[in-house]
Amino acid sequence: MDNMTFVIDGRQFEAFVGILEPGETSVNVDEMLIRTDEGGSVVGEEDLRFITERLGQLPEELRRHDLVTKCPATEAEYPHHVYLLRWRNALGAWNKGWLDRNARMRWGASNIGSLRVLRRCA
């Protein structure tokens, strides 16, 4: 799966593969968020709240990917993390998780659990 656009209650979003430079196989989360945040498009707090109230409208095709936002995790034990949305098969539901902003991650892989930046389209 490459980039995927979808609509939730009239708002268009994109699960974006990310941007790697030639020869790169991974970059840290902060760097990828900088590269992909054109015009402030990476999902922030208001859009995350909107989406979490409508999780049932996320396309099934996204269940194999972790959807990364730029929202800082507010829990005290995760001060350097951002929220992501992750499908849990055992629960049959989307859950909020956390991702360390400094972690070097592989982007664009097609395997289960691969990362996509969640962006709002204009």
PDB file of N, CA and C in Angstrom:
ATOM      1  N   MET A   1       0.844  -1.184   0.000  1.00  0.00           N
ATOM      2  CA  MET A   1       0.000   0.000   0.000  1.00  0.00           C
ATOM      3  C   MET A   1       0.883   1.239   0.000  1.00  0.00           C
ATOM      4  N   ASP A   2       0.558   2.128  -0.870  1.00  0.00           N
ATOM      5  CA  ASP A   2       1.242   3.404  -0.877  1.00  0.00           C
ATOM      6  C   ASP A   2       0.403   4.372  -0.054  1.00  0.00           C
ATOM      7  N   ASN A   3       0.485   5.667  -0.383  1.00  0.00           N
ATOM      8  CA  ASN A   3      -0.355   6.647   0.306  1.00  0.00           C
ATOM      9  C   ASN A   3      -1.819   6.307   0.065  1.00  0.00           C
ATOM     10  N   MET A   4      -2.643   6.580   1.063  1.00  0.00           N
ATOM     11  CA  MET A   4      -4.070   6.302   0.930  1.00  0.00           C
ATOM     12  C   MET A   4      -4.860   7.475   1.467  1.00  0.00           C
ATOM     13  N   THR A   5      -5.764   8.013   0.657  1.00  0.00           N
ATOM     14  CA  THR A   5      -6.639   9.078   1.131  1.00  0.00           C
ATOM     15  C   THR A   5      -7.998   8.478   1.481  1.00  0.00           C
ATOM     16  N   PHE A   6      -8.667   9.108   2.446  1.00  0.00           N
ATOM     17  CA  PHE A   6      -9.976   8.647   2.894  1.00  0.00           C
ATOM     18  C   PHE A   6     -10.705   9.828   3.517  1.00  0.00           C
ATOM     19  N   VAL A   7     -12.021   9.708   3.625  1.00  0.00           N
ATOM     20  CA  VAL A   7     -12.854  10.783   4.147  1.00  0.00           C
ATOM     21  C   VAL A   7     -13.608  10.285   5.373  1.00  0.00           C
ATOM     22  N   ILE A   8     -13.617  11.118   6.412  1.00  0.00           N
ATOM     23  CA  ILE A   8     -14.400  10.862   7.612  1.00  0.00           C
ATOM     24  C   ILE A   8     -15.277  12.080   7.845  1.00  0.00           C
ATOM     25  N   ASP A   9     -16.578  11.879   7.767  1.00  0.00           N
ATOM     26  CA  ASP A   9     -17.546  12.960   7.982  1.00  0.00           C
ATOM     27  C   ASP A   9     -17.145  14.261   7.282  1.00  0.00           C
ATOM     28  N   GLY A  10     -16.795  14.164   6.019  1.00  0.00           N
ATOM     29  CA  GLY A  10     -16.499  15.342   5.217  1.00  0.00           C
ATOM     30  C   GLY A  10     -15.067  15.850   5.282  1.00  0.00           C
ATOM     31  N   ARG A  11     -14.253  15.317   6.180  1.00  0.00           N
ATOM     32  CA  ARG A  11     -12.840  15.724   6.256  1.00  0.00           C
ATOM     33  C   ARG A  11     -11.987  14.679   5.556  1.00  0.00           C
ATOM     34  N   GLN A  12     -11.088  15.147   4.689  1.00  0.00           N
ATOM     35  CA  GLN A  12     -10.234  14.229   3.958  1.00  0.00           C
ATOM     36  C   GLN A  12      -8.879  14.108   4.658  1.00  0.00           C
ATOM     37  N   PHE A  13      -8.442  12.868   4.796  1.00  0.00           N
ATOM     38  CA  PHE A  13      -7.171  12.559   5.434  1.00  0.00           C
ATOM     39  C   PHE A  13      -6.340  11.677   4.510  1.00  0.00           C
ATOM     40  N   GLU A  14      -5.069  11.548   4.857  1.00  0.00           N
ATOM     41  CA  GLU A  14      -4.154  10.710   4.091  1.00  0.00           C
ATOM     42  C   GLU A  14      -3.254   9.942   5.053  1.00  0.00           C
ATOM     43  N   ALA A  15      -3.110   8.664   4.785  1.00  0.00           N
ATOM     44  CA  ALA A  15      -2.100   7.853   5.464  1.00  0.00           C
ATOM     45  C   ALA A  15      -0.886   7.873   4.543  1.00  0.00           C
ATOM     46  N   PHE A  16       0.127   8.642   4.942  1.00  0.00           N
ATOM     47  CA  PHE A  16       1.256   8.976   4.073  1.00  0.00           C
ATOM     48  C   PHE A  16       2.459   8.099   4.398  1.00  0.00           C
ATOM     49  N   VAL A  17       3.068   7.522   3.355  1.00  0.00           N
ATOM     50  CA  VAL A  17       4.198   6.616   3.534  1.00  0.00           C
ATOM     51  C   VAL A  17       5.384   7.306   4.179  1.00  0.00           C
ATOM     52  N   GLY A  18       5.638   8.547   3.827  1.00  0.00           N
ATOM     53  CA  GLY A  18       6.798   9.258   4.354  1.00  0.00           C
ATOM     54  C   GLY A  18       7.763   9.606   3.244  1.00  0.00           C
ATOM     55  N   ILE A  19       8.815  10.307   3.602  1.00  0.00           N
ATOM     56  CA  ILE A  19       9.793  10.781   2.626  1.00  0.00           C
ATOM     57  C   ILE A  19      11.180  10.350   3.088  1.00  0.00           C
ATOM     58  N   LEU A  20      11.794   9.480   2.328  1.00  0.00           N
ATOM     59  CA  LEU A  20      13.169   9.069   2.596  1.00  0.00           C
ATOM     60  C   LEU A  20      14.071   9.627   1.510  1.00  0.00           C
ATOM     61  N   GLU A  21      15.249  10.034   1.904  1.00  0.00           N
ATOM     62  CA  GLU A  21      16.250  10.502   0.950  1.00  0.00           C
ATOM     63  C   GLU A  21      16.901   9.282   0.297  1.00  0.00           C
ATOM     64  N   PRO A  22      17.497   9.448  -0.891  1.00  0.00           N
ATOM     65  CA  PRO A  22      18.168   8.314  -1.537  1.00  0.00           C
ATOM     66  C   PRO A  22      19.171   7.651  -0.584  1.00  0.00           C
ATOM     67  N   GLY A  23      19.070   6.341  -0.477  1.00  0.00           N
ATOM     68  CA  GLY A  23      19.976   5.578   0.380  1.00  0.00           C
ATOM     69  C   GLY A  23      19.510   5.417   1.818  1.00  0.00           C
ATOM     70  N   GLU A  24      18.499   6.158   2.234  1.00  0.00           N
ATOM     71  CA  GLU A  24      17.993   6.036   3.604  1.00  0.00           C
ATOM     72  C   GLU A  24      17.045   4.842   3.721  1.00  0.00           C
ATOM     73  N   THR A  25      17.144   4.133   4.809  1.00  0.00           N
ATOM     74  CA  THR A  25      16.169   3.079   5.102  1.00  0.00           C
ATOM     75  C   THR A  25      15.359   3.424   6.337  1.00  0.00           C
ATOM     76  N   SER A  26      15.851   4.383   7.125  1.00  0.00           N
ATOM     77  CA  SER A  26      15.127   4.777   8.324  1.00  0.00           C
ATOM     78  C   SER A  26      15.521   6.194   8.721  1.00  0.00           C
ATOM     79  N   VAL A  27      14.614   6.872   9.420  1.00  0.00           N
ATOM     80  CA  VAL A  27      14.895   8.162  10.039  1.00  0.00           C
ATOM     81  C   VAL A  27      14.120   8.198  11.346  1.00  0.00           C
ATOM     82  N   ASN A  28      14.497   9.118  12.249  1.00  0.00           N
ATOM     83  CA  ASN A  28      13.753   9.164  13.501  1.00  0.00           C
ATOM     84  C   ASN A  28      12.395   9.820  13.277  1.00  0.00           C
ATOM     85  N   VAL A  29      11.504   9.610  14.224  1.00  0.00           N
ATOM     86  CA  VAL A  29      10.125  10.064  14.108  1.00  0.00           C
ATOM     87  C   VAL A  29      10.049  11.576  13.959  1.00  0.00           C
ATOM     88  N   ASP A  30      10.795  12.325  14.778  1.00  0.00           N
ATOM     89  CA  ASP A  30      10.777  13.782  14.667  1.00  0.00           C
ATOM     90  C   ASP A  30      11.135  14.245  13.256  1.00  0.00           C
ATOM     91  N   GLU A  31      12.180  13.666  12.671  1.00  0.00           N
ATOM     92  CA  GLU A  31      12.606  14.057  11.325  1.00  0.00           C
ATOM     93  C   GLU A  31      11.508  13.766  10.303  1.00  0.00           C
ATOM     94  N   MET A  32      10.868  12.614  10.399  1.00  0.00           N
ATOM     95  CA  MET A  32       9.813  12.284   9.443  1.00  0.00           C
ATOM     96  C   MET A  32       8.628  13.233   9.595  1.00  0.00           C
ATOM     97  N   LEU A  33       8.300  13.608  10.824  1.00  0.00           N
ATOM     98  CA  LEU A  33       7.198  14.553  11.023  1.00  0.00           C
ATOM     99  C   LEU A  33       7.525  15.916  10.421  1.00  0.00           C
ATOM    100  N   ILE A  34       8.775  16.346  10.523  1.00  0.00           N
ATOM    101  CA  ILE A  34       9.196  17.613   9.904  1.00  0.00           C
ATOM    102  C   ILE A  34       9.071  17.514   8.382  1.00  0.00           C
ATOM    103  N   ARG A  35       9.538  16.424   7.815  1.00  0.00           N
ATOM    104  CA  ARG A  35       9.524  16.256   6.363  1.00  0.00           C
ATOM    105  C   ARG A  35       8.105  16.198   5.786  1.00  0.00           C
ATOM    106  N   THR A  36       7.171  15.689   6.546  1.00  0.00           N
ATOM    107  CA  THR A  36       5.830  15.443   6.009  1.00  0.00           C
ATOM    108  C   THR A  36       4.785  16.457   6.455  1.00  0.00           C
ATOM    109  N   ASP A  37       5.164  17.452   7.244  1.00  0.00           N
ATOM    110  CA  ASP A  37       4.181  18.382   7.817  1.00  0.00           C
ATOM    111  C   ASP A  37       3.993  19.625   6.947  1.00  0.00           C
ATOM    112  N   GLU A  38       3.739  19.422   5.666  1.00  0.00           N
ATOM    113  CA  GLU A  38       3.524  20.534   4.737  1.00  0.00           C
ATOM    114  C   GLU A  38       2.348  21.386   5.203  1.00  0.00           C
ATOM    115  N   GLY A  39       2.587  22.641   5.490  1.00  0.00           N
ATOM    116  CA  GLY A  39       1.506  23.535   5.893  1.00  0.00           C
ATOM    117  C   GLY A  39       0.793  23.114   7.161  1.00  0.00           C
ATOM    118  N   GLY A  40       1.478  22.382   8.015  1.00  0.00           N
ATOM    119  CA  GLY A  40       0.849  21.940   9.260  1.00  0.00           C
ATOM    120  C   GLY A  40      -0.177  20.846   9.062  1.00  0.00           C
ATOM    121  N   SER A  41       0.031  19.995   8.063  1.00  0.00           N
ATOM    122  CA  SER A  41      -0.976  18.996   7.698  1.00  0.00           C
ATOM    123  C   SER A  41      -0.958  17.716   8.525  1.00  0.00           C
ATOM    124  N   VAL A  42       0.129  17.423   9.240  1.00  0.00           N
ATOM    125  CA  VAL A  42       0.136  16.209  10.062  1.00  0.00           C
ATOM    126  C   VAL A  42      -0.900  16.376  11.170  1.00  0.00           C
ATOM    127  N   VAL A  43      -1.654  15.323  11.404  1.00  0.00           N
ATOM    128  CA  VAL A  43      -2.763  15.379  12.357  1.00  0.00           C
ATOM    129  C   VAL A  43      -2.278  15.827  13.731  1.00  0.00           C
ATOM    130  N   GLY A  44      -2.947  16.865  14.234  1.00  0.00           N
ATOM    131  CA  GLY A  44      -2.683  17.407  15.557  1.00  0.00           C
ATOM    132  C   GLY A  44      -3.815  17.047  16.513  1.00  0.00           C
ATOM    133  N   GLU A  45      -3.870  17.751  17.632  1.00  0.00           N
ATOM    134  CA  GLU A  45      -4.802  17.399  18.699  1.00  0.00           C
ATOM    135  C   GLU A  45      -6.270  17.442  18.277  1.00  0.00           C
ATOM    136  N   GLU A  46      -6.684  18.499  17.586  1.00  0.00           N
ATOM    137  CA  GLU A  46      -8.095  18.627  17.224  1.00  0.00           C
ATOM    138  C   GLU A  46      -8.524  17.530  16.251  1.00  0.00           C
ATOM    139  N   ASP A  47      -7.697  17.266  15.235  1.00  0.00           N
ATOM    140  CA  ASP A  47      -8.028  16.203  14.285  1.00  0.00           C
ATOM    141  C   ASP A  47      -7.953  14.828  14.937  1.00  0.00           C
ATOM    142  N   LEU A  48      -7.013  14.618  15.839  1.00  0.00           N
ATOM    143  CA  LEU A  48      -6.935  13.334  16.530  1.00  0.00           C
ATOM    144  C   LEU A  48      -8.201  13.108  17.354  1.00  0.00           C
ATOM    145  N   ARG A  49      -8.657  14.123  18.041  1.00  0.00           N
ATOM    146  CA  ARG A  49      -9.905  14.010  18.811  1.00  0.00           C
ATOM    147  C   ARG A  49     -11.074  13.676  17.876  1.00  0.00           C
ATOM    148  N   PHE A  50     -11.142  14.373  16.729  1.00  0.00           N
ATOM    149  CA  PHE A  50     -12.181  14.128  15.729  1.00  0.00           C
ATOM    150  C   PHE A  50     -12.153  12.671  15.265  1.00  0.00           C
ATOM    151  N   ILE A  51     -10.971  12.179  14.924  1.00  0.00           N
ATOM    152  CA  ILE A  51     -10.840  10.808  14.420  1.00  0.00           C
ATOM    153  C   ILE A  51     -11.163   9.791  15.507  1.00  0.00           C
ATOM    154  N   THR A  52     -10.667  10.005  16.731  1.00  0.00           N
ATOM    155  CA  THR A  52     -10.904   9.010  17.786  1.00  0.00           C
ATOM    156  C   THR A  52     -12.382   8.907  18.150  1.00  0.00           C
ATOM    157  N   GLU A  53     -13.148   9.938  17.870  1.00  0.00           N
ATOM    158  CA  GLU A  53     -14.597   9.861  18.083  1.00  0.00           C
ATOM    159  C   GLU A  53     -15.297   9.116  16.948  1.00  0.00           C
ATOM    160  N   ARG A  54     -14.555   8.786  15.874  1.00  0.00           N
ATOM    161  CA  ARG A  54     -15.130   8.145  14.689  1.00  0.00           C
ATOM    162  C   ARG A  54     -14.238   7.000  14.186  1.00  0.00           C
ATOM    163  N   LEU A  55     -13.620   6.280  15.075  1.00  0.00           N
ATOM    164  CA  LEU A  55     -12.662   5.245  14.685  1.00  0.00           C
ATOM    165  C   LEU A  55     -13.266   4.189  13.769  1.00  0.00           C
ATOM    166  N   GLY A  56     -14.546   3.943  13.906  1.00  0.00           N
ATOM    167  CA  GLY A  56     -15.208   2.960  13.068  1.00  0.00           C
ATOM    168  C   GLY A  56     -15.236   3.341  11.597  1.00  0.00           C
ATOM    169  N   GLN A  57     -14.938   4.587  11.280  1.00  0.00           N
ATOM    170  CA  GLN A  57     -14.942   5.052   9.895  1.00  0.00           C
ATOM    171  C   GLN A  57     -13.569   4.946   9.227  1.00  0.00           C
ATOM    172  N   LEU A  58     -12.535   4.554   9.981  1.00  0.00           N
ATOM    173  CA  LEU A  58     -11.225   4.355   9.356  1.00  0.00           C
ATOM    174  C   LEU A  58     -11.300   3.137   8.434  1.00  0.00           C
ATOM    175  N   PRO A  59     -10.749   3.237   7.226  1.00  0.00           N
ATOM    176  CA  PRO A  59     -10.801   2.116   6.283  1.00  0.00           C
ATOM    177  C   PRO A  59     -10.092   0.876   6.828  1.00  0.00           C
ATOM    178  N   GLU A  60     -10.663  -0.281   6.529  1.00  0.00           N
ATOM    179  CA  GLU A  60     -10.074  -1.548   6.980  1.00  0.00           C
ATOM    180  C   GLU A  60      -8.649  -1.724   6.482  1.00  0.00           C
ATOM    181  N   GLU A  61      -8.338  -1.187   5.301  1.00  0.00           N
ATOM    182  CA  GLU A  61      -6.993  -1.340   4.729  1.00  0.00           C
ATOM    183  C   GLU A  61      -5.917  -0.729   5.611  1.00  0.00           C
ATOM    184  N   LEU A  62      -6.295   0.197   6.472  1.00  0.00           N
ATOM    185  CA  LEU A  62      -5.313   0.846   7.351  1.00  0.00           C
ATOM    186  C   LEU A  62      -4.979   0.006   8.579  1.00  0.00           C
ATOM    187  N   ARG A  63      -5.709  -1.035   8.834  1.00  0.00           N
ATOM    188  CA  ARG A  63      -5.500  -1.825  10.053  1.00  0.00           C
ATOM    189  C   ARG A  63      -4.116  -2.440  10.139  1.00  0.00           C
ATOM    190  N   ARG A  64      -3.444  -2.591   9.041  1.00  0.00           N
ATOM    191  CA  ARG A  64      -2.108  -3.200   9.072  1.00  0.00           C
ATOM    192  C   ARG A  64      -1.001  -2.188   9.364  1.00  0.00           C
ATOM    193  N   HIS A  65      -1.372  -0.921   9.545  1.00  0.00           N
ATOM    194  CA  HIS A  65      -0.383   0.141   9.743  1.00  0.00           C
ATOM    195  C   HIS A  65      -0.612   0.890  11.048  1.00  0.00           C
ATOM    196  N   ASP A  66       0.471   1.370  11.636  1.00  0.00           N
ATOM    197  CA  ASP A  66       0.390   2.300  12.761  1.00  0.00           C
ATOM    198  C   ASP A  66       0.328   3.707  12.179  1.00  0.00           C
ATOM    199  N   LEU A  67      -0.656   4.493  12.613  1.00  0.00           N
ATOM    200  CA  LEU A  67      -0.896   5.825  12.069  1.00  0.00           C
ATOM    201  C   LEU A  67      -0.338   6.864  13.033  1.00  0.00           C
ATOM    202  N   VAL A  68       0.741   7.517  12.644  1.00  0.00           N
ATOM    203  CA  VAL A  68       1.495   8.418  13.507  1.00  0.00           C
ATOM    204  C   VAL A  68       0.952   9.845  13.408  1.00  0.00           C
ATOM    205  N   THR A  69       0.777  10.502  14.554  1.00  0.00           N
ATOM    206  CA  THR A  69       0.353  11.903  14.612  1.00  0.00           C
ATOM    207  C   THR A  69       1.501  12.736  15.182  1.00  0.00           C
ATOM    208  N   LYS A  70       1.288  14.061  15.216  1.00  0.00           N
ATOM    209  CA  LYS A  70       2.294  14.923  15.860  1.00  0.00           C
ATOM    210  C   LYS A  70       1.846  15.342  17.255  1.00  0.00           C
ATOM    211  N   CYS A  71       0.812  14.712  17.795  1.00  0.00           N
ATOM    212  CA  CYS A  71       0.289  15.059  19.121  1.00  0.00           C
ATOM    213  C   CYS A  71       1.211  14.533  20.201  1.00  0.00           C
ATOM    214  N   PRO A  72       1.713  15.400  21.060  1.00  0.00           N
ATOM    215  CA  PRO A  72       2.536  14.918  22.164  1.00  0.00           C
ATOM    216  C   PRO A  72       1.706  14.046  23.096  1.00  0.00           C
ATOM    217  N   ALA A  73       2.284  12.940  23.515  1.00  0.00           N
ATOM    218  CA  ALA A  73       1.615  12.093  24.504  1.00  0.00           C
ATOM    219  C   ALA A  73       1.570  12.874  25.820  1.00  0.00           C
ATOM    220  N   THR A  74       0.417  12.941  26.430  1.00  0.00           N
ATOM    221  CA  THR A  74       0.244  13.777  27.620  1.00  0.00           C
ATOM    222  C   THR A  74       0.535  13.034  28.913  1.00  0.00           C
ATOM    223  N   GLU A  75       0.673  11.734  28.844  1.00  0.00           N
ATOM    224  CA  GLU A  75       0.979  10.975  30.042  1.00  0.00           C
ATOM    225  C   GLU A  75       2.395  11.315  30.513  1.00  0.00           C
ATOM    226  N   ALA A  76       2.550  11.526  31.798  1.00  0.00           N
ATOM    227  CA  ALA A  76       3.839  11.970  32.365  1.00  0.00           C
ATOM    228  C   ALA A  76       4.970  10.992  32.063  1.00  0.00           C
ATOM    229  N   GLU A  77       4.644   9.708  31.970  1.00  0.00           N
ATOM    230  CA  GLU A  77       5.712   8.727  31.743  1.00  0.00           C
ATOM    231  C   GLU A  77       6.174   8.680  30.280  1.00  0.00           C
ATOM    232  N   TYR A  78       5.514   9.419  29.402  1.00  0.00           N
ATOM    233  CA  TYR A  78       5.884   9.438  27.992  1.00  0.00           C
ATOM    234  C   TYR A  78       6.142  10.863  27.489  1.00  0.00           C
ATOM    235  N   PRO A  79       7.038  11.613  28.108  1.00  0.00           N
ATOM    236  CA  PRO A  79       7.204  13.024  27.733  1.00  0.00           C
ATOM    237  C   PRO A  79       7.822  13.241  26.353  1.00  0.00           C
ATOM    238  N   HIS A  80       8.494  12.250  25.807  1.00  0.00           N
ATOM    239  CA  HIS A  80       9.155  12.412  24.500  1.00  0.00           C
ATOM    240  C   HIS A  80       8.489  11.555  23.430  1.00  0.00           C
ATOM    241  N   HIS A  81       7.196  11.329  23.590  1.00  0.00           N
ATOM    242  CA  HIS A  81       6.471  10.467  22.673  1.00  0.00           C
ATOM    243  C   HIS A  81       5.343  11.240  21.985  1.00  0.00           C
ATOM    244  N   VAL A  82       4.913  10.708  20.839  1.00  0.00           N
ATOM    245  CA  VAL A  82       3.728  11.216  20.149  1.00  0.00           C
ATOM    246  C   VAL A  82       2.711  10.075  20.091  1.00  0.00           C
ATOM    247  N   TYR A  83       1.448  10.472  19.936  1.00  0.00           N
ATOM    248  CA  TYR A  83       0.391   9.474  19.822  1.00  0.00           C
ATOM    249  C   TYR A  83       0.381   8.851  18.434  1.00  0.00           C
ATOM    250  N   LEU A  84      -0.030   7.590  18.397  1.00  0.00           N
ATOM    251  CA  LEU A  84      -0.330   6.919  17.153  1.00  0.00           C
ATOM    252  C   LEU A  84      -1.606   6.121  17.351  1.00  0.00           C
ATOM    253  N   LEU A  85      -2.223   5.738  16.260  1.00  0.00           N
ATOM    254  CA  LEU A  85      -3.388   4.861  16.306  1.00  0.00           C
ATOM    255  C   LEU A  85      -2.950   3.503  15.786  1.00  0.00           C
ATOM    256  N   ARG A  86      -3.329   2.441  16.504  1.00  0.00           N
ATOM    257  CA  ARG A  86      -2.898   1.076  16.167  1.00  0.00           C
ATOM    258  C   ARG A  86      -4.097   0.146  16.285  1.00  0.00           C
ATOM    259  N   TRP A  87      -4.302  -0.679  15.257  1.00  0.00           N
ATOM    260  CA  TRP A  87      -5.361  -1.676  15.284  1.00  0.00           C
ATOM    261  C   TRP A  87      -4.919  -2.867  16.130  1.00  0.00           C
ATOM    262  N   ARG A  88      -5.780  -3.310  17.013  1.00  0.00           N
ATOM    263  CA  ARG A  88      -5.516  -4.480  17.853  1.00  0.00           C
ATOM    264  C   ARG A  88      -6.479  -5.590  17.463  1.00  0.00           C
ATOM    265  N   ASN A  89      -5.965  -6.609  16.751  1.00  0.00           N
ATOM    266  CA  ASN A  89      -6.819  -7.719  16.321  1.00  0.00           C
ATOM    267  C   ASN A  89      -7.500  -8.406  17.484  1.00  0.00           C
ATOM    268  N   ALA A  90      -6.759  -8.619  18.562  1.00  0.00           N
ATOM    269  CA  ALA A  90      -7.325  -9.332  19.714  1.00  0.00           C
ATOM    270  C   ALA A  90      -8.543  -8.607  20.281  1.00  0.00           C
ATOM    271  N   LEU A  91      -8.546  -7.290  20.182  1.00  0.00           N
ATOM    272  CA  LEU A  91      -9.658  -6.496  20.695  1.00  0.00           C
ATOM    273  C   LEU A  91     -10.671  -6.147  19.608  1.00  0.00           C
ATOM    274  N   GLY A  92     -10.245  -6.276  18.355  1.00  0.00           N
ATOM    275  CA  GLY A  92     -11.109  -5.889  17.247  1.00  0.00           C
ATOM    276  C   GLY A  92     -11.389  -4.402  17.242  1.00  0.00           C
ATOM    277  N   ALA A  93     -10.376  -3.605  17.608  1.00  0.00           N
ATOM    278  CA  ALA A  93     -10.601  -2.159  17.732  1.00  0.00           C
ATOM    279  C   ALA A  93      -9.284  -1.400  17.572  1.00  0.00           C
ATOM    280  N   TRP A  94      -9.431  -0.115  17.238  1.00  0.00           N
ATOM    281  CA  TRP A  94      -8.298   0.810  17.207  1.00  0.00           C
ATOM    282  C   TRP A  94      -8.005   1.276  18.621  1.00  0.00           C
ATOM    283  N   ASN A  95      -6.734   1.431  18.927  1.00  0.00           N
ATOM    284  CA  ASN A  95      -6.299   1.961  20.224  1.00  0.00           C
ATOM    285  C   ASN A  95      -5.275   3.053  20.005  1.00  0.00           C
ATOM    286  N   LYS A  96      -5.176   3.941  20.994  1.00  0.00           N
ATOM    287  CA  LYS A  96      -4.112   4.944  20.987  1.00  0.00           C
ATOM    288  C   LYS A  96      -2.870   4.325  21.597  1.00  0.00           C
ATOM    289  N   GLY A  97      -1.750   4.582  20.966  1.00  0.00           N
ATOM    290  CA  GLY A  97      -0.474   4.136  21.496  1.00  0.00           C
ATOM    291  C   GLY A  97       0.499   5.296  21.487  1.00  0.00           C
ATOM    292  N   TRP A  98       1.756   5.012  21.804  1.00  0.00           N
ATOM    293  CA  TRP A  98       2.788   6.042  21.878  1.00  0.00           C
ATOM    294  C   TRP A  98       3.987   5.599  21.085  1.00  0.00           C
ATOM    295  N   LEU A  99       4.717   6.570  20.557  1.00  0.00           N
ATOM    296  CA  LEU A  99       5.927   6.304  19.788  1.00  0.00           C
ATOM    297  C   LEU A  99       6.972   7.330  20.186  1.00  0.00           C
ATOM    298  N   ASP A 100       8.166   6.859  20.520  1.00  0.00           N
ATOM    299  CA  ASP A 100       9.266   7.733  20.911  1.00  0.00           C
ATOM    300  C   ASP A 100       9.693   8.578  19.715  1.00  0.00           C
ATOM    301  N   ARG A 101       9.679   9.890  19.884  1.00  0.00           N
ATOM    302  CA  ARG A 101      10.034  10.806  18.792  1.00  0.00           C
ATOM    303  C   ARG A 101      11.479  10.644  18.341  1.00  0.00           C
ATOM    304  N   ASN A 102      12.341  10.123  19.191  1.00  0.00           N
ATOM    305  CA  ASN A 102      13.759   9.968  18.849  1.00  0.00           C
ATOM    306  C   ASN A 102      14.084   8.611  18.228  1.00  0.00           C
ATOM    307  N   ALA A 103      13.122   7.709  18.199  1.00  0.00           N
ATOM    308  CA  ALA A 103      13.378   6.362  17.681  1.00  0.00           C
ATOM    309  C   ALA A 103      13.588   6.395  16.175  1.00  0.00           C
ATOM    310  N   ARG A 104      14.624   5.676  15.719  1.00  0.00           N
ATOM    311  CA  ARG A 104      14.838   5.516  14.272  1.00  0.00           C
ATOM    312  C   ARG A 104      13.909   4.405  13.815  1.00  0.00           C
ATOM    313  N   MET A 105      13.076   4.728  12.834  1.00  0.00           N
ATOM    314  CA  MET A 105      12.070   3.779  12.383  1.00  0.00           C
ATOM    315  C   MET A 105      12.180   3.591  10.878  1.00  0.00           C
ATOM    316  N   ARG A 106      11.761   2.402  10.436  1.00  0.00           N
ATOM    317  CA  ARG A 106      11.643   2.147   8.997  1.00  0.00           C
ATOM    318  C   ARG A 106      10.304   2.696   8.538  1.00  0.00           C
ATOM    319  N   TRP A 107      10.291   3.394   7.439  1.00  0.00           N
ATOM    320  CA  TRP A 107       9.078   4.008   6.899  1.00  0.00           C
ATOM    321  C   TRP A 107       8.791   3.434   5.532  1.00  0.00           C
ATOM    322  N   GLY A 108       7.523   3.214   5.240  1.00  0.00           N
ATOM    323  CA  GLY A 108       7.121   2.813   3.900  1.00  0.00           C
ATOM    324  C   GLY A 108       7.093   1.318   3.661  1.00  0.00           C
ATOM    325  N   ALA A 109       7.452   0.515   4.639  1.00  0.00           N
ATOM    326  CA  ALA A 109       7.381  -0.932   4.459  1.00  0.00           C
ATOM    327  C   ALA A 109       5.912  -1.341   4.361  1.00  0.00           C
ATOM    328  N   SER A 110       5.657  -2.479   3.759  1.00  0.00           N
ATOM    329  CA  SER A 110       4.271  -2.917   3.592  1.00  0.00           C
ATOM    330  C   SER A 110       3.869  -3.969   4.617  1.00  0.00           C
ATOM    331  N   ASN A 111       4.774  -4.307   5.522  1.00  0.00           N
ATOM    332  CA  ASN A 111       4.455  -5.335   6.508  1.00  0.00           C
ATOM    333  C   ASN A 111       3.490  -4.809   7.575  1.00  0.00           C
ATOM    334  N   ILE A 112       2.877  -5.739   8.280  1.00  0.00           N
ATOM    335  CA  ILE A 112       1.959  -5.369   9.358  1.00  0.00           C
ATOM    336  C   ILE A 112       2.733  -4.587  10.410  1.00  0.00           C
ATOM    337  N   GLY A 113       2.135  -3.515  10.898  1.00  0.00           N
ATOM    338  CA  GLY A 113       2.779  -2.679  11.892  1.00  0.00           C
ATOM    339  C   GLY A 113       3.649  -1.589  11.304  1.00  0.00           C
ATOM    340  N   SER A 114       3.698  -1.523   9.979  1.00  0.00           N
ATOM    341  CA  SER A 114       4.509  -0.473   9.378  1.00  0.00           C
ATOM    342  C   SER A 114       3.853   0.889   9.628  1.00  0.00           C
ATOM    343  N   LEU A 115       4.659   1.914   9.564  1.00  0.00           N
ATOM    344  CA  LEU A 115       4.222   3.252   9.947  1.00  0.00           C
ATOM    345  C   LEU A 115       3.718   4.067   8.765  1.00  0.00           C
ATOM    346  N   ARG A 116       2.699   4.859   9.033  1.00  0.00           N
ATOM    347  CA  ARG A 116       2.204   5.852   8.092  1.00  0.00           C
ATOM    348  C   ARG A 116       1.975   7.132   8.887  1.00  0.00           C
ATOM    349  N   VAL A 117       2.335   8.277   8.313  1.00  0.00           N
ATOM    350  CA  VAL A 117       2.039   9.564   8.946  1.00  0.00           C
ATOM    351  C   VAL A 117       0.604   9.911   8.584  1.00  0.00           C
ATOM    352  N   LEU A 118      -0.180  10.256   9.584  1.00  0.00           N
ATOM    353  CA  LEU A 118      -1.577  10.613   9.377  1.00  0.00           C
ATOM    354  C   LEU A 118      -1.674  12.116   9.143  1.00  0.00           C
ATOM    355  N   ARG A 119      -2.139  12.493   7.935  1.00  0.00           N
ATOM    356  CA  ARG A 119      -2.206  13.915   7.568  1.00  0.00           C
ATOM    357  C   ARG A 119      -3.624  14.294   7.166  1.00  0.00           C
ATOM    358  N   ARG A 120      -3.947  15.565   7.378  1.00  0.00           N
ATOM    359  CA  ARG A 120      -5.216  16.120   6.918  1.00  0.00           C
ATOM    360  C   ARG A 120      -4.982  16.796   5.582  1.00  0.00           C
ATOM    361  N   CYS A 121      -5.823  16.492   4.618  1.00  0.00           N
ATOM    362  CA  CYS A 121      -5.709  17.086   3.287  1.00  0.00           C
ATOM    363  C   CYS A 121      -6.449  18.417   3.263  1.00  0.00           C
ATOM    364  N   ALA A 122      -5.964  19.333   2.446  1.00  0.00           N
ATOM    365  CA  ALA A 122      -6.590  20.655   2.335  1.00  0.00           C
ATOM    366  C   ALA A 122      -7.952  20.579   1.683  1.00  0.00           C
TER     367      ALA A 122
END
